[in-house]
Amino acid sequence: MMKEEPDRYTRERMVADRIEGRKWAEEILDSIKDLSEDYRDSFWRAVKRKFELKKKKKIDSTMMSDDESKAFGRSVVEFGKYRGRQVDEVPIEYWEWLADENLRVQRYLRSRRIVEEREE
């Protein structure tokens, strides 16, 4: 599914909101810059807790039961080369490749560089 391009008004509103948000952030940062490190750490923990929009789901990495495996095998692939086919119709090698790539993507997202970039 392709993401729709926002209309001009929406893009302008998004830019204006980001500019205004940065101004507010700078004011807040200026107001706490001279406070103790413990105060600032507590402040940032509270901000992260308050505005954490998506809770990370814990992934059940245990082996599927036979019943779960059969049900999953009947589900339909919703992406990529095998879109529209049942999971069991897709070659195992594809799932092995995808699982390996998924681990690489997870490791990439947890890298210090990316974590720091996302926190900026």
PDB file of N, CA and C in Angstrom:
ATOM      1  N   MET A   1       0.843  -1.169   0.000  1.00  0.00           N
ATOM      2  CA  MET A   1       0.000   0.000   0.000  1.00  0.00           C
ATOM      3  C   MET A   1       0.894   1.240   0.000  1.00  0.00           C
ATOM      4  N   MET A   2       0.662   2.125  -0.943  1.00  0.00           N
ATOM      5  CA  MET A   2       1.454   3.351  -1.013  1.00  0.00           C
ATOM      6  C   MET A   2       0.902   4.380  -0.050  1.00  0.00           C
ATOM      7  N   LYS A   3       1.797   5.075   0.599  1.00  0.00           N
ATOM      8  CA  LYS A   3       1.413   6.136   1.502  1.00  0.00           C
ATOM      9  C   LYS A   3       1.022   7.355   0.676  1.00  0.00           C
ATOM     10  N   GLU A   4      -0.116   7.963   1.049  1.00  0.00           N
ATOM     11  CA  GLU A   4      -0.569   9.135   0.312  1.00  0.00           C
ATOM     12  C   GLU A   4       0.288  10.340   0.656  1.00  0.00           C
ATOM     13  N   GLU A   5       0.566  11.147  -0.333  1.00  0.00           N
ATOM     14  CA  GLU A   5       1.312  12.392  -0.146  1.00  0.00           C
ATOM     15  C   GLU A   5       0.382  13.402   0.514  1.00  0.00           C
ATOM     16  N   PRO A   6       0.817  14.030   1.641  1.00  0.00           N
ATOM     17  CA  PRO A   6      -0.047  15.035   2.257  1.00  0.00           C
ATOM     18  C   PRO A   6      -0.241  16.227   1.332  1.00  0.00           C
ATOM     19  N   ASP A   7      -1.430  16.854   1.414  1.00  0.00           N
ATOM     20  CA  ASP A   7      -1.656  18.029   0.579  1.00  0.00           C
ATOM     21  C   ASP A   7      -0.800  19.192   1.080  1.00  0.00           C
ATOM     22  N   ARG A   8      -0.773  20.257   0.304  1.00  0.00           N
ATOM     23  CA  ARG A   8       0.111  21.396   0.599  1.00  0.00           C
ATOM     24  C   ARG A   8      -0.172  21.984   1.979  1.00  0.00           C
ATOM     25  N   TYR A   9      -1.457  22.149   2.315  1.00  0.00           N
ATOM     26  CA  TYR A   9      -1.809  22.708   3.615  1.00  0.00           C
ATOM     27  C   TYR A   9      -1.275  21.826   4.736  1.00  0.00           C
ATOM     28  N   THR A  10      -1.444  20.525   4.584  1.00  0.00           N
ATOM     29  CA  THR A  10      -0.995  19.593   5.609  1.00  0.00           C
ATOM     30  C   THR A  10       0.520  19.669   5.768  1.00  0.00           C
ATOM     31  N   ARG A  11       1.258  19.714   4.652  1.00  0.00           N
ATOM     32  CA  ARG A  11       2.728  19.812   4.722  1.00  0.00           C
ATOM     33  C   ARG A  11       3.143  21.109   5.402  1.00  0.00           C
ATOM     34  N   GLU A  12       2.501  22.208   5.042  1.00  0.00           N
ATOM     35  CA  GLU A  12       2.833  23.498   5.654  1.00  0.00           C
ATOM     36  C   GLU A  12       2.531  23.482   7.149  1.00  0.00           C
ATOM     37  N   ARG A  13       1.415  22.867   7.536  1.00  0.00           N
ATOM     38  CA  ARG A  13       1.040  22.767   8.943  1.00  0.00           C
ATOM     39  C   ARG A  13       2.068  21.905   9.691  1.00  0.00           C
ATOM     40  N   MET A  14       2.497  20.816   9.064  1.00  0.00           N
ATOM     41  CA  MET A  14       3.490  19.942   9.690  1.00  0.00           C
ATOM     42  C   MET A  14       4.793  20.694   9.933  1.00  0.00           C
ATOM     43  N   VAL A  15       5.233  21.453   8.946  1.00  0.00           N
ATOM     44  CA  VAL A  15       6.471  22.228   9.082  1.00  0.00           C
ATOM     45  C   VAL A  15       6.311  23.275  10.174  1.00  0.00           C
ATOM     46  N   ALA A  16       5.193  23.978  10.165  1.00  0.00           N
ATOM     47  CA  ALA A  16       4.949  25.004  11.186  1.00  0.00           C
ATOM     48  C   ALA A  16       4.923  24.386  12.583  1.00  0.00           C
ATOM     49  N   ASP A  17       4.295  23.227  12.723  1.00  0.00           N
ATOM     50  CA  ASP A  17       4.246  22.543  14.022  1.00  0.00           C
ATOM     51  C   ASP A  17       5.647  22.133  14.476  1.00  0.00           C
ATOM     52  N   ARG A  18       6.455  21.651  13.563  1.00  0.00           N
ATOM     53  CA  ARG A  18       7.824  21.260  13.925  1.00  0.00           C
ATOM     54  C   ARG A  18       8.642  22.459  14.373  1.00  0.00           C
ATOM     55  N   ILE A  19       8.492  23.576  13.668  1.00  0.00           N
ATOM     56  CA  ILE A  19       9.215  24.805  14.051  1.00  0.00           C
ATOM     57  C   ILE A  19       8.777  25.255  15.441  1.00  0.00           C
ATOM     58  N   GLU A  20       7.475  25.287  15.658  1.00  0.00           N
ATOM     59  CA  GLU A  20       6.943  25.701  16.963  1.00  0.00           C
ATOM     60  C   GLU A  20       7.392  24.726  18.058  1.00  0.00           C
ATOM     61  N   GLY A  21       7.382  23.450  17.753  1.00  0.00           N
ATOM     62  CA  GLY A  21       7.829  22.445  18.721  1.00  0.00           C
ATOM     63  C   GLY A  21       9.288  22.634  19.103  1.00  0.00           C
ATOM     64  N   ARG A  22      10.114  22.946  18.126  1.00  0.00           N
ATOM     65  CA  ARG A  22      11.537  23.193  18.417  1.00  0.00           C
ATOM     66  C   ARG A  22      11.722  24.422  19.295  1.00  0.00           C
ATOM     67  N   LYS A  23      10.927  25.464  19.044  1.00  0.00           N
ATOM     68  CA  LYS A  23      11.010  26.674  19.879  1.00  0.00           C
ATOM     69  C   LYS A  23      10.676  26.342  21.331  1.00  0.00           C
ATOM     70  N   TRP A  24       9.583  25.603  21.532  1.00  0.00           N
ATOM     71  CA  TRP A  24       9.206  25.208  22.886  1.00  0.00           C
ATOM     72  C   TRP A  24      10.300  24.358  23.517  1.00  0.00           C
ATOM     73  N   ALA A  25      10.850  23.431  22.763  1.00  0.00           N
ATOM     74  CA  ALA A  25      11.904  22.558  23.295  1.00  0.00           C
ATOM     75  C   ALA A  25      13.116  23.377  23.722  1.00  0.00           C
ATOM     76  N   GLU A  26      13.493  24.355  22.911  1.00  0.00           N
ATOM     77  CA  GLU A  26      14.637  25.198  23.266  1.00  0.00           C
ATOM     78  C   GLU A  26      14.372  25.983  24.548  1.00  0.00           C
ATOM     79  N   GLU A  27      13.160  26.481  24.718  1.00  0.00           N
ATOM     80  CA  GLU A  27      12.818  27.204  25.944  1.00  0.00           C
ATOM     81  C   GLU A  27      12.915  26.288  27.158  1.00  0.00           C
ATOM     82  N   ILE A  28      12.396  25.093  27.020  1.00  0.00           N
ATOM     83  CA  ILE A  28      12.451  24.135  28.134  1.00  0.00           C
ATOM     84  C   ILE A  28      13.895  23.776  28.453  1.00  0.00           C
ATOM     85  N   LEU A  29      14.681  23.495  27.425  1.00  0.00           N
ATOM     86  CA  LEU A  29      16.086  23.137  27.641  1.00  0.00           C
ATOM     87  C   LEU A  29      16.854  24.271  28.302  1.00  0.00           C
ATOM     88  N   ASP A  30      16.586  25.499  27.882  1.00  0.00           N
ATOM     89  CA  ASP A  30      17.235  26.647  28.510  1.00  0.00           C
ATOM     90  C   ASP A  30      16.877  26.737  29.990  1.00  0.00           C
ATOM     91  N   SER A  31      15.638  26.389  30.328  1.00  0.00           N
ATOM     92  CA  SER A  31      15.195  26.524  31.716  1.00  0.00           C
ATOM     93  C   SER A  31      15.788  25.454  32.633  1.00  0.00           C
ATOM     94  N   ILE A  32      16.266  24.322  32.088  1.00  0.00           N
ATOM     95  CA  ILE A  32      16.810  23.266  32.953  1.00  0.00           C
ATOM     96  C   ILE A  32      18.319  23.105  32.836  1.00  0.00           C
ATOM     97  N   LYS A  33      18.957  23.861  31.950  1.00  0.00           N
ATOM     98  CA  LYS A  33      20.375  23.636  31.675  1.00  0.00           C
ATOM     99  C   LYS A  33      21.270  23.823  32.893  1.00  0.00           C
ATOM    100  N   ASP A  34      20.894  24.689  33.833  1.00  0.00           N
ATOM    101  CA  ASP A  34      21.740  24.952  34.995  1.00  0.00           C
ATOM    102  C   ASP A  34      21.377  24.112  36.218  1.00  0.00           C
ATOM    103  N   LEU A  35      20.411  23.231  36.068  1.00  0.00           N
ATOM    104  CA  LEU A  35      19.995  22.395  37.189  1.00  0.00           C
ATOM    105  C   LEU A  35      20.902  21.172  37.296  1.00  0.00           C
ATOM    106  N   SER A  36      20.793  20.445  38.390  1.00  0.00           N
ATOM    107  CA  SER A  36      21.681  19.305  38.635  1.00  0.00           C
ATOM    108  C   SER A  36      21.472  18.200  37.602  1.00  0.00           C
ATOM    109  N   GLU A  37      22.491  17.390  37.459  1.00  0.00           N
ATOM    110  CA  GLU A  37      22.424  16.266  36.520  1.00  0.00           C
ATOM    111  C   GLU A  37      21.307  15.306  36.913  1.00  0.00           C
ATOM    112  N   ASP A  38      21.134  15.063  38.224  1.00  0.00           N
ATOM    113  CA  ASP A  38      20.060  14.180  38.691  1.00  0.00           C
ATOM    114  C   ASP A  38      18.691  14.735  38.290  1.00  0.00           C
ATOM    115  N   TYR A  39      18.533  16.045  38.414  1.00  0.00           N
ATOM    116  CA  TYR A  39      17.265  16.677  38.031  1.00  0.00           C
ATOM    117  C   TYR A  39      17.026  16.479  36.530  1.00  0.00           C
ATOM    118  N   ARG A  40      18.056  16.751  35.734  1.00  0.00           N
ATOM    119  CA  ARG A  40      17.901  16.622  34.274  1.00  0.00           C
ATOM    120  C   ARG A  40      17.612  15.180  33.882  1.00  0.00           C
ATOM    121  N   ASP A  41      18.309  14.213  34.532  1.00  0.00           N
ATOM    122  CA  ASP A  41      18.050  12.804  34.231  1.00  0.00           C
ATOM    123  C   ASP A  41      16.604  12.430  34.554  1.00  0.00           C
ATOM    124  N   SER A  42      16.127  12.873  35.700  1.00  0.00           N
ATOM    125  CA  SER A  42      14.732  12.598  36.081  1.00  0.00           C
ATOM    126  C   SER A  42      13.766  13.241  35.093  1.00  0.00           C
ATOM    127  N   PHE A  43      14.088  14.449  34.683  1.00  0.00           N
ATOM    128  CA  PHE A  43      13.252  15.159  33.714  1.00  0.00           C
ATOM    129  C   PHE A  43      13.136  14.347  32.420  1.00  0.00           C
ATOM    130  N   TRP A  44      14.285  13.894  31.886  1.00  0.00           N
ATOM    131  CA  TRP A  44      14.258  13.175  30.614  1.00  0.00           C
ATOM    132  C   TRP A  44      13.564  11.829  30.735  1.00  0.00           C
ATOM    133  N   ARG A  45      13.728  11.139  31.857  1.00  0.00           N
ATOM    134  CA  ARG A  45      13.014   9.868  32.053  1.00  0.00           C
ATOM    135  C   ARG A  45      11.506  10.112  32.044  1.00  0.00           C
ATOM    136  N   ALA A  46      11.077  11.187  32.712  1.00  0.00           N
ATOM    137  CA  ALA A  46       9.646  11.506  32.742  1.00  0.00           C
ATOM    138  C   ALA A  46       9.125  11.849  31.349  1.00  0.00           C
ATOM    139  N   VAL A  47       9.896  12.615  30.591  1.00  0.00           N
ATOM    140  CA  VAL A  47       9.492  12.973  29.226  1.00  0.00           C
ATOM    141  C   VAL A  47       9.360  11.711  28.377  1.00  0.00           C
ATOM    142  N   LYS A  48      10.347  10.834  28.447  1.00  0.00           N
ATOM    143  CA  LYS A  48      10.298   9.606  27.638  1.00  0.00           C
ATOM    144  C   LYS A  48       9.109   8.747  28.014  1.00  0.00           C
ATOM    145  N   ARG A  49       8.838   8.618  29.327  1.00  0.00           N
ATOM    146  CA  ARG A  49       7.689   7.819  29.768  1.00  0.00           C
ATOM    147  C   ARG A  49       6.381   8.442  29.293  1.00  0.00           C
ATOM    148  N   LYS A  50       6.265   9.744  29.412  1.00  0.00           N
ATOM    149  CA  LYS A  50       5.023  10.432  29.077  1.00  0.00           C
ATOM    150  C   LYS A  50       4.704  10.364  27.587  1.00  0.00           C
ATOM    151  N   PHE A  51       5.724  10.490  26.766  1.00  0.00           N
ATOM    152  CA  PHE A  51       5.483  10.602  25.329  1.00  0.00           C
ATOM    153  C   PHE A  51       5.857   9.357  24.541  1.00  0.00           C
ATOM    154  N   GLU A  52       6.059   8.264  25.239  1.00  0.00           N
ATOM    155  CA  GLU A  52       6.333   7.021  24.529  1.00  0.00           C
ATOM    156  C   GLU A  52       5.042   6.605  23.841  1.00  0.00           C
ATOM    157  N   LEU A  53       5.021   6.785  22.522  1.00  0.00           N
ATOM    158  CA  LEU A  53       3.784   6.575  21.776  1.00  0.00           C
ATOM    159  C   LEU A  53       3.500   5.117  21.492  1.00  0.00           C
ATOM    160  N   LYS A  54       4.538   4.396  21.182  1.00  0.00           N
ATOM    161  CA  LYS A  54       4.348   2.989  20.848  1.00  0.00           C
ATOM    162  C   LYS A  54       5.136   2.148  21.835  1.00  0.00           C
ATOM    163  N   LYS A  55       4.418   1.387  22.606  1.00  0.00           N
ATOM    164  CA  LYS A  55       5.084   0.465  23.520  1.00  0.00           C
ATOM    165  C   LYS A  55       5.621  -0.682  22.685  1.00  0.00           C
ATOM    166  N   LYS A  56       6.864  -1.039  22.940  1.00  0.00           N
ATOM    167  CA  LYS A  56       7.434  -2.150  22.208  1.00  0.00           C
ATOM    168  C   LYS A  56       6.799  -3.443  22.697  1.00  0.00           C
ATOM    169  N   LYS A  57       6.324  -4.214  21.756  1.00  0.00           N
ATOM    170  CA  LYS A  57       5.730  -5.493  22.107  1.00  0.00           C
ATOM    171  C   LYS A  57       6.847  -6.495  22.351  1.00  0.00           C
ATOM    172  N   LYS A  58       6.662  -7.291  23.396  1.00  0.00           N
ATOM    173  CA  LYS A  58       7.620  -8.366  23.613  1.00  0.00           C
ATOM    174  C   LYS A  58       7.299  -9.466  22.609  1.00  0.00           C
ATOM    175  N   ILE A  59       8.319  -9.915  21.941  1.00  0.00           N
ATOM    176  CA  ILE A  59       8.134 -10.950  20.933  1.00  0.00           C
ATOM    177  C   ILE A  59       8.307 -12.306  21.591  1.00  0.00           C
ATOM    178  N   ASP A  60       7.316 -13.163  21.376  1.00  0.00           N
ATOM    179  CA  ASP A  60       7.414 -14.525  21.891  1.00  0.00           C
ATOM    180  C   ASP A  60       8.304 -15.303  20.939  1.00  0.00           C
ATOM    181  N   SER A  61       9.521 -15.571  21.380  1.00  0.00           N
ATOM    182  CA  SER A  61      10.477 -16.230  20.496  1.00  0.00           C
ATOM    183  C   SER A  61      10.509 -17.739  20.709  1.00  0.00           C
ATOM    184  N   THR A  62       9.530 -18.256  21.456  1.00  0.00           N
ATOM    185  CA  THR A  62       9.471 -19.703  21.629  1.00  0.00           C
ATOM    186  C   THR A  62       8.965 -20.338  20.339  1.00  0.00           C
ATOM    187  N   MET A  63       9.228 -21.615  20.200  1.00  0.00           N
ATOM    188  CA  MET A  63       8.792 -22.345  19.021  1.00  0.00           C
ATOM    189  C   MET A  63       7.259 -22.414  19.001  1.00  0.00           C
ATOM    190  N   MET A  64       6.679 -22.268  17.812  1.00  0.00           N
ATOM    191  CA  MET A  64       5.231 -22.390  17.672  1.00  0.00           C
ATOM    192  C   MET A  64       4.817 -23.827  17.907  1.00  0.00           C
ATOM    193  N   SER A  65       3.617 -23.989  18.444  1.00  0.00           N
ATOM    194  CA  SER A  65       3.048 -25.335  18.546  1.00  0.00           C
ATOM    195  C   SER A  65       2.642 -25.777  17.138  1.00  0.00           C
ATOM    196  N   ASP A  66       2.347 -27.045  16.974  1.00  0.00           N
ATOM    197  CA  ASP A  66       1.909 -27.530  15.659  1.00  0.00           C
ATOM    198  C   ASP A  66       0.631 -26.826  15.214  1.00  0.00           C
ATOM    199  N   ASP A  67      -0.300 -26.613  16.149  1.00  0.00           N
ATOM    200  CA  ASP A  67      -1.552 -25.931  15.804  1.00  0.00           C
ATOM    201  C   ASP A  67      -1.283 -24.491  15.364  1.00  0.00           C
ATOM    202  N   GLU A  68      -0.413 -23.779  16.104  1.00  0.00           N
ATOM    203  CA  GLU A  68      -0.065 -22.408  15.719  1.00  0.00           C
ATOM    204  C   GLU A  68       0.595 -22.387  14.354  1.00  0.00           C
ATOM    205  N   SER A  69       1.487 -23.342  14.124  1.00  0.00           N
ATOM    206  CA  SER A  69       2.207 -23.417  12.858  1.00  0.00           C
ATOM    207  C   SER A  69       1.245 -23.651  11.689  1.00  0.00           C
ATOM    208  N   LYS A  70       0.285 -24.531  11.880  1.00  0.00           N
ATOM    209  CA  LYS A  70      -0.696 -24.805  10.829  1.00  0.00           C
ATOM    210  C   LYS A  70      -1.543 -23.568  10.543  1.00  0.00           C
ATOM    211  N   ALA A  71      -1.985 -22.889  11.610  1.00  0.00           N
ATOM    212  CA  ALA A  71      -2.803 -21.683  11.429  1.00  0.00           C
ATOM    213  C   ALA A  71      -1.988 -20.595  10.731  1.00  0.00           C
ATOM    214  N   PHE A  72      -0.735 -20.415  11.151  1.00  0.00           N
ATOM    215  CA  PHE A  72       0.116 -19.412  10.525  1.00  0.00           C
ATOM    216  C   PHE A  72       0.369 -19.775   9.062  1.00  0.00           C
ATOM    217  N   GLY A  73       0.569 -21.052   8.788  1.00  0.00           N
ATOM    218  CA  GLY A  73       0.808 -21.512   7.424  1.00  0.00           C
ATOM    219  C   GLY A  73      -0.355 -21.226   6.486  1.00  0.00           C
ATOM    220  N   ARG A  74      -1.557 -21.140   7.036  1.00  0.00           N
ATOM    221  CA  ARG A  74      -2.741 -20.835   6.220  1.00  0.00           C
ATOM    222  C   ARG A  74      -2.950 -19.324   6.048  1.00  0.00           C
ATOM    223  N   SER A  75      -2.230 -18.513   6.827  1.00  0.00           N
ATOM    224  CA  SER A  75      -2.405 -17.062   6.702  1.00  0.00           C
ATOM    225  C   SER A  75      -1.789 -16.574   5.396  1.00  0.00           C
ATOM    226  N   VAL A  76      -2.205 -15.391   4.987  1.00  0.00           N
ATOM    227  CA  VAL A  76      -1.803 -14.849   3.691  1.00  0.00           C
ATOM    228  C   VAL A  76      -0.668 -13.841   3.876  1.00  0.00           C
ATOM    229  N   VAL A  77       0.348 -13.952   3.030  1.00  0.00           N
ATOM    230  CA  VAL A  77       1.472 -13.017   3.037  1.00  0.00           C
ATOM    231  C   VAL A  77       0.968 -11.677   2.501  1.00  0.00           C
ATOM    232  N   GLU A  78       1.295 -10.595   3.222  1.00  0.00           N
ATOM    233  CA  GLU A  78       0.763  -9.275   2.871  1.00  0.00           C
ATOM    234  C   GLU A  78       1.813  -8.338   2.296  1.00  0.00           C
ATOM    235  N   PHE A  79       2.965  -8.860   1.936  1.00  0.00           N
ATOM    236  CA  PHE A  79       4.045  -7.996   1.462  1.00  0.00           C
ATOM    237  C   PHE A  79       4.959  -8.779   0.533  1.00  0.00           C
ATOM    238  N   GLY A  80       5.759  -8.031  -0.199  1.00  0.00           N
ATOM    239  CA  GLY A  80       6.868  -8.597  -0.946  1.00  0.00           C
ATOM    240  C   GLY A  80       6.512  -9.483  -2.122  1.00  0.00           C
ATOM    241  N   LYS A  81       7.491 -10.247  -2.484  1.00  0.00           N
ATOM    242  CA  LYS A  81       7.454 -11.095  -3.674  1.00  0.00           C
ATOM    243  C   LYS A  81       6.302 -12.105  -3.655  1.00  0.00           C
ATOM    244  N   TYR A  82       5.926 -12.575  -2.474  1.00  0.00           N
ATOM    245  CA  TYR A  82       4.907 -13.626  -2.357  1.00  0.00           C
ATOM    246  C   TYR A  82       3.570 -13.104  -1.833  1.00  0.00           C
ATOM    247  N   ARG A  83       3.338 -11.810  -1.975  1.00  0.00           N
ATOM    248  CA  ARG A  83       2.083 -11.201  -1.525  1.00  0.00           C
ATOM    249  C   ARG A  83       0.897 -11.965  -2.107  1.00  0.00           C
ATOM    250  N   GLY A  84      -0.095 -12.218  -1.237  1.00  0.00           N
ATOM    251  CA  GLY A  84      -1.317 -12.875  -1.674  1.00  0.00           C
ATOM    252  C   GLY A  84      -1.276 -14.394  -1.588  1.00  0.00           C
ATOM    253  N   ARG A  85      -0.109 -14.965  -1.353  1.00  0.00           N
ATOM    254  CA  ARG A  85       0.000 -16.431  -1.235  1.00  0.00           C
ATOM    255  C   ARG A  85      -0.042 -16.846   0.220  1.00  0.00           C
ATOM    256  N   GLN A  86      -0.415 -18.082   0.474  1.00  0.00           N
ATOM    257  CA  GLN A  86      -0.395 -18.595   1.837  1.00  0.00           C
ATOM    258  C   GLN A  86       1.058 -18.823   2.271  1.00  0.00           C
ATOM    259  N   VAL A  87       1.293 -18.646   3.546  1.00  0.00           N
ATOM    260  CA  VAL A  87       2.642 -18.799   4.093  1.00  0.00           C
ATOM    261  C   VAL A  87       3.231 -20.157   3.723  1.00  0.00           C
ATOM    262  N   ASP A  88       2.451 -21.220   3.832  1.00  0.00           N
ATOM    263  CA  ASP A  88       2.954 -22.562   3.512  1.00  0.00           C
ATOM    264  C   ASP A  88       3.320 -22.732   2.039  1.00  0.00           C
ATOM    265  N   GLU A  89       2.844 -21.869   1.156  1.00  0.00           N
ATOM    266  CA  GLU A  89       3.170 -21.954  -0.270  1.00  0.00           C
ATOM    267  C   GLU A  89       4.502 -21.290  -0.602  1.00  0.00           C
ATOM    268  N   VAL A  90       5.042 -20.536   0.339  1.00  0.00           N
ATOM    269  CA  VAL A  90       6.282 -19.784   0.126  1.00  0.00           C
ATOM    270  C   VAL A  90       7.475 -20.682   0.475  1.00  0.00           C
ATOM    271  N   PRO A  91       8.505 -20.688  -0.365  1.00  0.00           N
ATOM    272  CA  PRO A  91       9.671 -21.530  -0.072  1.00  0.00           C
ATOM    273  C   PRO A  91      10.293 -21.202   1.292  1.00  0.00           C
ATOM    274  N   ILE A  92      10.676 -22.231   2.024  1.00  0.00           N
ATOM    275  CA  ILE A  92      11.303 -22.073   3.347  1.00  0.00           C
ATOM    276  C   ILE A  92      12.532 -21.167   3.251  1.00  0.00           C
ATOM    277  N   GLU A  93      13.268 -21.251   2.156  1.00  0.00           N
ATOM    278  CA  GLU A  93      14.480 -20.432   1.995  1.00  0.00           C
ATOM    279  C   GLU A  93      14.157 -18.935   2.080  1.00  0.00           C
ATOM    280  N   TYR A  94      12.982 -18.554   1.574  1.00  0.00           N
ATOM    281  CA  TYR A  94      12.569 -17.158   1.643  1.00  0.00           C
ATOM    282  C   TYR A  94      12.376 -16.741   3.103  1.00  0.00           C
ATOM    283  N   TRP A  95      11.693 -17.609   3.885  1.00  0.00           N
ATOM    284  CA  TRP A  95      11.468 -17.283   5.299  1.00  0.00           C
ATOM    285  C   TRP A  95      12.788 -17.245   6.068  1.00  0.00           C
ATOM    286  N   GLU A  96      13.706 -18.138   5.721  1.00  0.00           N
ATOM    287  CA  GLU A  96      15.022 -18.130   6.374  1.00  0.00           C
ATOM    288  C   GLU A  96      15.751 -16.823   6.057  1.00  0.00           C
ATOM    289  N   TRP A  97      15.711 -16.415   4.808  1.00  0.00           N
ATOM    290  CA  TRP A  97      16.351 -15.154   4.412  1.00  0.00           C
ATOM    291  C   TRP A  97      15.712 -13.985   5.144  1.00  0.00           C
ATOM    292  N   LEU A  98      14.367 -13.954   5.173  1.00  0.00           N
ATOM    293  CA  LEU A  98      13.642 -12.866   5.820  1.00  0.00           C
ATOM    294  C   LEU A  98      13.947 -12.821   7.316  1.00  0.00           C
ATOM    295  N   ALA A  99      14.010 -13.971   7.953  1.00  0.00           N
ATOM    296  CA  ALA A  99      14.330 -14.013   9.390  1.00  0.00           C
ATOM    297  C   ALA A  99      15.737 -13.480   9.638  1.00  0.00           C
ATOM    298  N   ASP A 100      16.676 -13.832   8.782  1.00  0.00           N
ATOM    299  CA  ASP A 100      18.046 -13.341   8.931  1.00  0.00           C
ATOM    300  C   ASP A 100      18.085 -11.836   8.730  1.00  0.00           C
ATOM    301  N   GLU A 101      17.400 -11.331   7.715  1.00  0.00           N
ATOM    302  CA  GLU A 101      17.362  -9.890   7.459  1.00  0.00           C
ATOM    303  C   GLU A 101      16.678  -9.160   8.620  1.00  0.00           C
ATOM    304  N   ASN A 102      15.639  -9.775   9.172  1.00  0.00           N
ATOM    305  CA  ASN A 102      14.926  -9.171  10.293  1.00  0.00           C
ATOM    306  C   ASN A 102      15.872  -8.996  11.485  1.00  0.00           C
ATOM    307  N   LEU A 103      16.689  -9.989  11.757  1.00  0.00           N
ATOM    308  CA  LEU A 103      17.656  -9.871  12.856  1.00  0.00           C
ATOM    309  C   LEU A 103      18.658  -8.763  12.566  1.00  0.00           C
ATOM    310  N   ARG A 104      19.095  -8.660  11.330  1.00  0.00           N
ATOM    311  CA  ARG A 104      20.029  -7.590  10.969  1.00  0.00           C
ATOM    312  C   ARG A 104      19.380  -6.224  11.135  1.00  0.00           C
ATOM    313  N   VAL A 105      18.118  -6.110  10.736  1.00  0.00           N
ATOM    314  CA  VAL A 105      17.400  -4.845  10.886  1.00  0.00           C
ATOM    315  C   VAL A 105      17.234  -4.515  12.372  1.00  0.00           C
ATOM    316  N   GLN A 106      16.897  -5.506  13.188  1.00  0.00           N
ATOM    317  CA  GLN A 106      16.758  -5.275  14.630  1.00  0.00           C
ATOM    318  C   GLN A 106      18.083  -4.803  15.226  1.00  0.00           C
ATOM    319  N   ARG A 107      19.178  -5.438  14.842  1.00  0.00           N
ATOM    320  CA  ARG A 107      20.491  -5.030  15.351  1.00  0.00           C
ATOM    321  C   ARG A 107      20.837  -3.616  14.891  1.00  0.00           C
ATOM    322  N   TYR A 108      20.506  -3.302  13.637  1.00  0.00           N
ATOM    323  CA  TYR A 108      20.745  -1.959  13.093  1.00  0.00           C
ATOM    324  C   TYR A 108      19.985  -0.915  13.908  1.00  0.00           C
ATOM    325  N   LEU A 109      18.710  -1.173  14.182  1.00  0.00           N
ATOM    326  CA  LEU A 109      17.885  -0.231  14.929  1.00  0.00           C
ATOM    327  C   LEU A 109      18.369  -0.046  16.361  1.00  0.00           C
ATOM    328  N   ARG A 110      19.042  -1.063  16.910  1.00  0.00           N
ATOM    329  CA  ARG A 110      19.567  -0.958  18.275  1.00  0.00           C
ATOM    330  C   ARG A 110      20.977  -0.393  18.325  1.00  0.00           C
ATOM    331  N   SER A 111      21.583  -0.130  17.160  1.00  0.00           N
ATOM    332  CA  SER A 111      22.951   0.388  17.155  1.00  0.00           C
ATOM    333  C   SER A 111      22.984   1.773  17.808  1.00  0.00           C
ATOM    334  N   ARG A 112      24.083   2.065  18.468  1.00  0.00           N
ATOM    335  CA  ARG A 112      24.217   3.336  19.173  1.00  0.00           C
ATOM    336  C   ARG A 112      23.974   4.521  18.237  1.00  0.00           C
ATOM    337  N   ARG A 113      24.516   4.444  17.035  1.00  0.00           N
ATOM    338  CA  ARG A 113      24.369   5.537  16.072  1.00  0.00           C
ATOM    339  C   ARG A 113      22.899   5.823  15.783  1.00  0.00           C
ATOM    340  N   ILE A 114      22.130   4.794  15.532  1.00  0.00           N
ATOM    341  CA  ILE A 114      20.713   4.982  15.183  1.00  0.00           C
ATOM    342  C   ILE A 114      19.917   5.413  16.416  1.00  0.00           C
ATOM    343  N   VAL A 115      20.193   4.816  17.567  1.00  0.00           N
ATOM    344  CA  VAL A 115      19.486   5.208  18.791  1.00  0.00           C
ATOM    345  C   VAL A 115      19.721   6.680  19.080  1.00  0.00           C
ATOM    346  N   GLU A 116      20.963   7.119  18.969  1.00  0.00           N
ATOM    347  CA  GLU A 116      21.277   8.535  19.214  1.00  0.00           C
ATOM    348  C   GLU A 116      20.612   9.436  18.191  1.00  0.00           C
ATOM    349  N   GLU A 117      20.580   9.001  16.941  1.00  0.00           N
ATOM    350  CA  GLU A 117      19.948   9.803  15.887  1.00  0.00           C
ATOM    351  C   GLU A 117      18.455   9.954  16.149  1.00  0.00           C
ATOM    352  N   ARG A 118      17.813   8.892  16.609  1.00  0.00           N
ATOM    353  CA  ARG A 118      16.380   8.939  16.877  1.00  0.00           C
ATOM    354  C   ARG A 118      16.058   9.793  18.090  1.00  0.00           C
ATOM    355  N   GLU A 119      17.003   9.911  19.014  1.00  0.00           N
ATOM    356  CA  GLU A 119      16.792  10.716  20.223  1.00  0.00           C
ATOM    357  C   GLU A 119      16.963  12.205  19.971  1.00  0.00           C
ATOM    358  N   GLU A 120      17.594  12.574  18.853  1.00  0.00           N
ATOM    359  CA  GLU A 120      17.827  13.999  18.557  1.00  0.00           C
ATOM    360  C   GLU A 120      16.560  14.744  18.303  1.00  0.00           C
TER     361      GLU A 120
END
